[in-house]
């Protein structure tokens, strides 16, 4: 089970458990792989893999090489803050995350209006369109990609050195997967988090969990 934290989210866990029950108990072997191990994984492990062996390749592997910053801003200041970051940072390529499809498209439009080349990608696009956007971005057709969480897992682009959470994620798993898009292939990366007053509780919880 690759990306076990996602497979055992409420959306998929009932289906996964049903599949497991079809496997003969005395012959099945279950292996789970994940960058994070939330409570859902531990509950599944205790239920179906009570004698499991845990192998931890490296503590906080996804955070290695990534310098993290956060700034408290008002919602209406976010685009201005982003414009300032574009002028101050050395950006090879950047991925900017939003929490909804609508905000992805709106932000991409705003960035284009500021005069920066920008692509966007989200789950409501046709697969062929997403593939083309990914291919063009990976090949350096533009420096900025605005994305939903569709783009957080298993996507490695060597030139991405900056990740910006325009919308702060709601849990530590999403946070780790997002900022893990920078600092790949042994390079150093930067993760910048824009937080509103309402995000403070998620920030404190994620800090505690990580």
C-alpha atoms as a PDB file:
ATOM      1  CA  UNK A   1       0.000   0.000   0.000  1.00  0.00           C
ATOM      2  CA  UNK A   2       1.856   3.050  -1.272  1.00  0.00           C
ATOM      3  CA  UNK A   3       0.796   6.430   0.166  1.00  0.00           C
ATOM      4  CA  UNK A   4      -0.913   4.515   2.970  1.00  0.00           C
ATOM      5  CA  UNK A   5      -1.999   7.702   4.719  1.00  0.00           C
ATOM      6  CA  UNK A   6      -4.108   8.585   1.678  1.00  0.00           C
ATOM      7  CA  UNK A   7      -5.433   5.054   1.146  1.00  0.00           C
ATOM      8  CA  UNK A   8      -6.569   4.914   4.770  1.00  0.00           C
ATOM      9  CA  UNK A   9      -8.286   8.296   4.756  1.00  0.00           C
ATOM     10  CA  UNK A  10     -12.064   8.171   5.368  1.00  0.00           C
ATOM     11  CA  UNK A  11     -12.642   8.356   1.621  1.00  0.00           C
ATOM     12  CA  UNK A  12     -10.859   5.085   0.841  1.00  0.00           C
ATOM     13  CA  UNK A  13     -10.478   3.110   4.087  1.00  0.00           C
ATOM     14  CA  UNK A  14     -13.772   1.142   3.856  1.00  0.00           C
ATOM     15  CA  UNK A  15     -12.841  -0.081   0.368  1.00  0.00           C
ATOM     16  CA  UNK A  16      -9.313  -1.022   1.452  1.00  0.00           C
ATOM     17  CA  UNK A  17     -10.609  -2.967   4.456  1.00  0.00           C
ATOM     18  CA  UNK A  18     -13.108  -4.794   2.269  1.00  0.00           C
ATOM     19  CA  UNK A  19     -10.318  -5.811  -0.102  1.00  0.00           C
ATOM     20  CA  UNK A  20      -8.147  -7.006   2.781  1.00  0.00           C
ATOM     21  CA  UNK A  21     -10.953  -9.211   4.079  1.00  0.00           C
ATOM     22  CA  UNK A  22     -10.964 -11.070   0.747  1.00  0.00           C
ATOM     23  CA  UNK A  23      -7.342 -12.116   1.276  1.00  0.00           C
ATOM     24  CA  UNK A  24      -6.725 -15.380   3.164  1.00  0.00           C
ATOM     25  CA  UNK A  25      -5.539 -14.529   6.658  1.00  0.00           C
ATOM     26  CA  UNK A  26      -2.834 -17.182   6.820  1.00  0.00           C
ATOM     27  CA  UNK A  27      -1.265 -16.253   3.461  1.00  0.00           C
ATOM     28  CA  UNK A  28      -1.556 -12.496   3.100  1.00  0.00           C
ATOM     29  CA  UNK A  29       1.379 -10.173   3.562  1.00  0.00           C
ATOM     30  CA  UNK A  30       0.686  -6.457   3.962  1.00  0.00           C
ATOM     31  CA  UNK A  31       3.281  -3.739   3.482  1.00  0.00           C
ATOM     32  CA  UNK A  32       2.511  -0.049   3.992  1.00  0.00           C
ATOM     33  CA  UNK A  33       4.618   2.865   2.787  1.00  0.00           C
ATOM     34  CA  UNK A  34       4.048   6.461   3.827  1.00  0.00           C
ATOM     35  CA  UNK A  35       5.932   9.654   4.642  1.00  0.00           C
ATOM     36  CA  UNK A  36       3.670  10.110   7.672  1.00  0.00           C
ATOM     37  CA  UNK A  37       1.828   7.742  10.006  1.00  0.00           C
ATOM     38  CA  UNK A  38      -1.380   9.345  11.291  1.00  0.00           C
ATOM     39  CA  UNK A  39      -3.819   7.659  13.670  1.00  0.00           C
ATOM     40  CA  UNK A  40      -5.728   5.989  10.818  1.00  0.00           C
ATOM     41  CA  UNK A  41      -2.627   4.028   9.825  1.00  0.00           C
ATOM     42  CA  UNK A  42      -1.901   3.002  13.408  1.00  0.00           C
ATOM     43  CA  UNK A  43      -5.484   1.795  13.891  1.00  0.00           C
ATOM     44  CA  UNK A  44      -5.310  -0.246  10.679  1.00  0.00           C
ATOM     45  CA  UNK A  45      -1.933  -1.686  11.697  1.00  0.00           C
ATOM     46  CA  UNK A  46      -3.209  -2.721  15.117  1.00  0.00           C
ATOM     47  CA  UNK A  47      -6.268  -4.370  13.571  1.00  0.00           C
ATOM     48  CA  UNK A  48      -4.730  -6.216  10.617  1.00  0.00           C
ATOM     49  CA  UNK A  49      -0.967  -6.212  11.325  1.00  0.00           C
ATOM     50  CA  UNK A  50      -0.513  -6.545  15.101  1.00  0.00           C
ATOM     51  CA  UNK A  51       2.999  -7.968  14.758  1.00  0.00           C
ATOM     52  CA  UNK A  52       4.171  -5.548  12.062  1.00  0.00           C
ATOM     53  CA  UNK A  53       7.792  -4.422  11.902  1.00  0.00           C
ATOM     54  CA  UNK A  54       8.281  -0.677  11.404  1.00  0.00           C
ATOM     55  CA  UNK A  55      11.227   0.498   9.302  1.00  0.00           C
ATOM     56  CA  UNK A  56      11.976   4.219   9.515  1.00  0.00           C
ATOM     57  CA  UNK A  57      14.425   5.225   6.785  1.00  0.00           C
ATOM     58  CA  UNK A  58      15.132   8.664   8.182  1.00  0.00           C
ATOM     59  CA  UNK A  59      13.438  10.919  10.702  1.00  0.00           C
ATOM     60  CA  UNK A  60      11.581  13.720   8.930  1.00  0.00           C
ATOM     61  CA  UNK A  61      12.965  12.664   5.571  1.00  0.00           C
ATOM     62  CA  UNK A  62      10.667  14.985   3.671  1.00  0.00           C
ATOM     63  CA  UNK A  63      11.909  18.019   5.633  1.00  0.00           C
ATOM     64  CA  UNK A  64      15.578  17.423   4.891  1.00  0.00           C
ATOM     65  CA  UNK A  65      17.056  20.312   2.922  1.00  0.00           C
ATOM     66  CA  UNK A  66      13.923  22.477   3.141  1.00  0.00           C
ATOM     67  CA  UNK A  67      14.040  25.774   5.058  1.00  0.00           C
ATOM     68  CA  UNK A  68      10.580  26.735   6.290  1.00  0.00           C
ATOM     69  CA  UNK A  69       9.190  30.207   6.910  1.00  0.00           C
ATOM     70  CA  UNK A  70       5.775  31.550   7.787  1.00  0.00           C
ATOM     71  CA  UNK A  71       4.212  35.003   7.761  1.00  0.00           C
ATOM     72  CA  UNK A  72       0.936  36.144   9.279  1.00  0.00           C
ATOM     73  CA  UNK A  73      -0.969  38.180   6.695  1.00  0.00           C
ATOM     74  CA  UNK A  74      -4.528  39.297   6.144  1.00  0.00           C
ATOM     75  CA  UNK A  75      -6.360  37.519   3.352  1.00  0.00           C
ATOM     76  CA  UNK A  76      -6.483  40.682   1.248  1.00  0.00           C
ATOM     77  CA  UNK A  77      -2.694  41.098   1.561  1.00  0.00           C
ATOM     78  CA  UNK A  78      -1.774  37.679   0.189  1.00  0.00           C
ATOM     79  CA  UNK A  79      -1.432  38.589  -3.490  1.00  0.00           C
ATOM     80  CA  UNK A  80       0.669  41.659  -2.628  1.00  0.00           C
ATOM     81  CA  UNK A  81       2.853  39.480  -0.389  1.00  0.00           C
ATOM     82  CA  UNK A  82       3.245  36.968  -3.211  1.00  0.00           C
ATOM     83  CA  UNK A  83       4.276  39.724  -5.616  1.00  0.00           C
ATOM     84  CA  UNK A  84       6.923  40.859  -3.120  1.00  0.00           C
ATOM     85  CA  UNK A  85       8.251  37.313  -2.775  1.00  0.00           C
ATOM     86  CA  UNK A  86       8.567  37.012  -6.552  1.00  0.00           C
ATOM     87  CA  UNK A  87      10.756  40.129  -6.609  1.00  0.00           C
ATOM     88  CA  UNK A  88      12.924  39.134  -3.634  1.00  0.00           C
ATOM     89  CA  UNK A  89      13.469  35.382  -4.064  1.00  0.00           C
ATOM     90  CA  UNK A  90      15.711  33.549  -6.482  1.00  0.00           C
ATOM     91  CA  UNK A  91      13.167  31.209  -8.014  1.00  0.00           C
ATOM     92  CA  UNK A  92      14.137  28.455 -10.401  1.00  0.00           C
ATOM     93  CA  UNK A  93      10.595  27.120 -10.369  1.00  0.00           C
ATOM     94  CA  UNK A  94       7.868  27.480  -7.750  1.00  0.00           C
ATOM     95  CA  UNK A  95       4.723  25.554  -6.868  1.00  0.00           C
ATOM     96  CA  UNK A  96       2.003  27.555  -5.115  1.00  0.00           C
ATOM     97  CA  UNK A  97      -0.696  25.595  -3.292  1.00  0.00           C
ATOM     98  CA  UNK A  98      -4.322  26.594  -2.732  1.00  0.00           C
ATOM     99  CA  UNK A  99      -7.029  24.712  -0.843  1.00  0.00           C
ATOM    100  CA  UNK A 100      -9.686  24.693  -3.554  1.00  0.00           C
ATOM    101  CA  UNK A 101     -10.062  24.462  -7.317  1.00  0.00           C
ATOM    102  CA  UNK A 102     -11.717  27.884  -7.482  1.00  0.00           C
ATOM    103  CA  UNK A 103      -8.859  29.552  -5.610  1.00  0.00           C
ATOM    104  CA  UNK A 104      -6.302  27.823  -7.843  1.00  0.00           C
ATOM    105  CA  UNK A 105      -7.854  29.339 -10.957  1.00  0.00           C
ATOM    106  CA  UNK A 106      -8.377  32.781  -9.394  1.00  0.00           C
ATOM    107  CA  UNK A 107      -4.798  32.972  -8.123  1.00  0.00           C
ATOM    108  CA  UNK A 108      -3.343  31.854 -11.453  1.00  0.00           C
ATOM    109  CA  UNK A 109      -5.295  34.664 -13.119  1.00  0.00           C
ATOM    110  CA  UNK A 110      -4.008  37.202 -10.560  1.00  0.00           C
ATOM    111  CA  UNK A 111      -0.401  36.090 -11.057  1.00  0.00           C
ATOM    112  CA  UNK A 112      -0.758  36.410 -14.827  1.00  0.00           C
ATOM    113  CA  UNK A 113      -2.191  39.916 -14.360  1.00  0.00           C
ATOM    114  CA  UNK A 114       0.917  40.797 -12.324  1.00  0.00           C
ATOM    115  CA  UNK A 115       2.993  39.991 -15.397  1.00  0.00           C
ATOM    116  CA  UNK A 116       4.391  36.579 -14.442  1.00  0.00           C
ATOM    117  CA  UNK A 117       4.092  33.454 -16.555  1.00  0.00           C
ATOM    118  CA  UNK A 118       1.959  30.926 -14.717  1.00  0.00           C
ATOM    119  CA  UNK A 119       0.306  27.536 -15.224  1.00  0.00           C
ATOM    120  CA  UNK A 120      -2.315  25.941 -13.012  1.00  0.00           C
ATOM    121  CA  UNK A 121      -3.390  22.359 -12.389  1.00  0.00           C
ATOM    122  CA  UNK A 122      -6.208  20.707 -10.441  1.00  0.00           C
ATOM    123  CA  UNK A 123      -8.349  17.569 -10.353  1.00  0.00           C
ATOM    124  CA  UNK A 124     -11.261  18.961 -12.369  1.00  0.00           C
ATOM    125  CA  UNK A 125      -9.150  19.321 -15.503  1.00  0.00           C
ATOM    126  CA  UNK A 126      -9.165  16.588 -18.123  1.00  0.00           C
ATOM    127  CA  UNK A 127      -6.310  14.119 -17.601  1.00  0.00           C
ATOM    128  CA  UNK A 128      -4.845  14.966 -21.017  1.00  0.00           C
ATOM    129  CA  UNK A 129      -4.785  18.661 -20.073  1.00  0.00           C
ATOM    130  CA  UNK A 130      -3.140  17.917 -16.716  1.00  0.00           C
ATOM    131  CA  UNK A 131      -0.522  15.766 -18.421  1.00  0.00           C
ATOM    132  CA  UNK A 132       0.288  18.551 -20.852  1.00  0.00           C
ATOM    133  CA  UNK A 133       0.578  21.152 -18.072  1.00  0.00           C
ATOM    134  CA  UNK A 134       2.825  18.867 -16.031  1.00  0.00           C
ATOM    135  CA  UNK A 135       5.014  18.062 -19.042  1.00  0.00           C
ATOM    136  CA  UNK A 136       5.397  21.725 -20.021  1.00  0.00           C
ATOM    137  CA  UNK A 137       6.123  22.847 -16.452  1.00  0.00           C
ATOM    138  CA  UNK A 138       8.688  20.091 -15.917  1.00  0.00           C
ATOM    139  CA  UNK A 139      10.403  21.147 -19.147  1.00  0.00           C
ATOM    140  CA  UNK A 140      10.674  24.738 -17.944  1.00  0.00           C
ATOM    141  CA  UNK A 141       7.953  26.403 -20.027  1.00  0.00           C
ATOM    142  CA  UNK A 142       7.134  28.649 -17.048  1.00  0.00           C
ATOM    143  CA  UNK A 143       8.406  29.294 -13.530  1.00  0.00           C
ATOM    144  CA  UNK A 144       5.177  29.184 -11.517  1.00  0.00           C
ATOM    145  CA  UNK A 145       2.572  26.479 -11.102  1.00  0.00           C
ATOM    146  CA  UNK A 146      -0.542  27.044  -8.989  1.00  0.00           C
ATOM    147  CA  UNK A 147      -1.919  23.745  -7.777  1.00  0.00           C
ATOM    148  CA  UNK A 148      -4.454  21.987  -5.619  1.00  0.00           C
ATOM    149  CA  UNK A 149      -3.317  19.049  -3.485  1.00  0.00           C
ATOM    150  CA  UNK A 150      -3.537  16.870  -6.590  1.00  0.00           C
ATOM    151  CA  UNK A 151       0.126  17.726  -7.118  1.00  0.00           C
ATOM    152  CA  UNK A 152       1.501  16.857  -3.676  1.00  0.00           C
ATOM    153  CA  UNK A 153       2.334  13.174  -4.015  1.00  0.00           C
ATOM    154  CA  UNK A 154       4.892  11.345  -6.092  1.00  0.00           C
ATOM    155  CA  UNK A 155       5.701  14.337  -8.304  1.00  0.00           C
ATOM    156  CA  UNK A 156       9.398  15.162  -8.460  1.00  0.00           C
ATOM    157  CA  UNK A 157      10.635  18.120 -10.505  1.00  0.00           C
ATOM    158  CA  UNK A 158      14.306  18.879 -10.019  1.00  0.00           C
ATOM    159  CA  UNK A 159      14.123  22.620 -10.723  1.00  0.00           C
ATOM    160  CA  UNK A 160      11.475  23.376  -8.086  1.00  0.00           C
ATOM    161  CA  UNK A 161      13.269  25.194  -5.273  1.00  0.00           C
ATOM    162  CA  UNK A 162      10.367  27.173  -3.780  1.00  0.00           C
ATOM    163  CA  UNK A 163       7.006  26.008  -2.444  1.00  0.00           C
ATOM    164  CA  UNK A 164       4.473  28.572  -1.257  1.00  0.00           C
ATOM    165  CA  UNK A 165       1.399  27.652   0.745  1.00  0.00           C
ATOM    166  CA  UNK A 166      -0.860  30.494  -0.377  1.00  0.00           C
ATOM    167  CA  UNK A 167      -3.533  28.671   1.620  1.00  0.00           C
ATOM    168  CA  UNK A 168      -2.197  26.921   4.706  1.00  0.00           C
ATOM    169  CA  UNK A 169      -3.033  23.181   4.802  1.00  0.00           C
ATOM    170  CA  UNK A 170      -5.310  21.746   7.450  1.00  0.00           C
ATOM    171  CA  UNK A 171      -3.187  18.741   8.515  1.00  0.00           C
ATOM    172  CA  UNK A 172       0.426  17.667   8.890  1.00  0.00           C
ATOM    173  CA  UNK A 173       0.250  14.981   6.188  1.00  0.00           C
ATOM    174  CA  UNK A 174      -0.720  17.511   3.520  1.00  0.00           C
ATOM    175  CA  UNK A 175       1.879  19.955   4.840  1.00  0.00           C
ATOM    176  CA  UNK A 176       4.690  17.413   4.556  1.00  0.00           C
ATOM    177  CA  UNK A 177       3.690  16.325   1.078  1.00  0.00           C
ATOM    178  CA  UNK A 178       3.396  19.907  -0.143  1.00  0.00           C
ATOM    179  CA  UNK A 179       6.728  21.219   1.064  1.00  0.00           C
ATOM    180  CA  UNK A 180       8.374  17.998  -0.056  1.00  0.00           C
ATOM    181  CA  UNK A 181       8.009  19.233  -3.652  1.00  0.00           C
ATOM    182  CA  UNK A 182      11.065  21.449  -3.036  1.00  0.00           C
ATOM    183  CA  UNK A 183      14.492  20.324  -1.895  1.00  0.00           C
ATOM    184  CA  UNK A 184      14.474  17.238  -4.120  1.00  0.00           C
ATOM    185  CA  UNK A 185      17.487  15.442  -5.607  1.00  0.00           C
ATOM    186  CA  UNK A 186      19.811  16.741  -2.890  1.00  0.00           C
ATOM    187  CA  UNK A 187      19.073  20.413  -3.614  1.00  0.00           C
ATOM    188  CA  UNK A 188      18.121  22.994  -0.999  1.00  0.00           C
ATOM    189  CA  UNK A 189      14.565  24.297  -1.002  1.00  0.00           C
ATOM    190  CA  UNK A 190      12.428  26.971   0.617  1.00  0.00           C
ATOM    191  CA  UNK A 191       8.872  26.599   1.900  1.00  0.00           C
ATOM    192  CA  UNK A 192       6.907  29.758   2.667  1.00  0.00           C
ATOM    193  CA  UNK A 193       3.583  29.657   4.487  1.00  0.00           C
ATOM    194  CA  UNK A 194       1.054  32.485   4.379  1.00  0.00           C
ATOM    195  CA  UNK A 195      -1.126  32.322   7.461  1.00  0.00           C
ATOM    196  CA  UNK A 196      -4.223  34.246   8.389  1.00  0.00           C
ATOM    197  CA  UNK A 197      -5.419  34.632  11.963  1.00  0.00           C
ATOM    198  CA  UNK A 198      -7.775  31.678  11.465  1.00  0.00           C
ATOM    199  CA  UNK A 199      -4.868  29.426  10.443  1.00  0.00           C
ATOM    200  CA  UNK A 200      -3.078  29.755  13.775  1.00  0.00           C
ATOM    201  CA  UNK A 201      -4.667  26.659  15.323  1.00  0.00           C
ATOM    202  CA  UNK A 202      -3.681  24.484  12.350  1.00  0.00           C
ATOM    203  CA  UNK A 203      -0.149  25.889  12.562  1.00  0.00           C
ATOM    204  CA  UNK A 204       0.204  25.063  16.266  1.00  0.00           C
ATOM    205  CA  UNK A 205      -1.201  21.573  15.762  1.00  0.00           C
ATOM    206  CA  UNK A 206       1.069  20.813  12.797  1.00  0.00           C
ATOM    207  CA  UNK A 207       4.109  22.153  14.666  1.00  0.00           C
ATOM    208  CA  UNK A 208       3.260  19.853  17.570  1.00  0.00           C
ATOM    209  CA  UNK A 209       2.754  16.797  15.328  1.00  0.00           C
ATOM    210  CA  UNK A 210       6.000  17.330  13.418  1.00  0.00           C
END
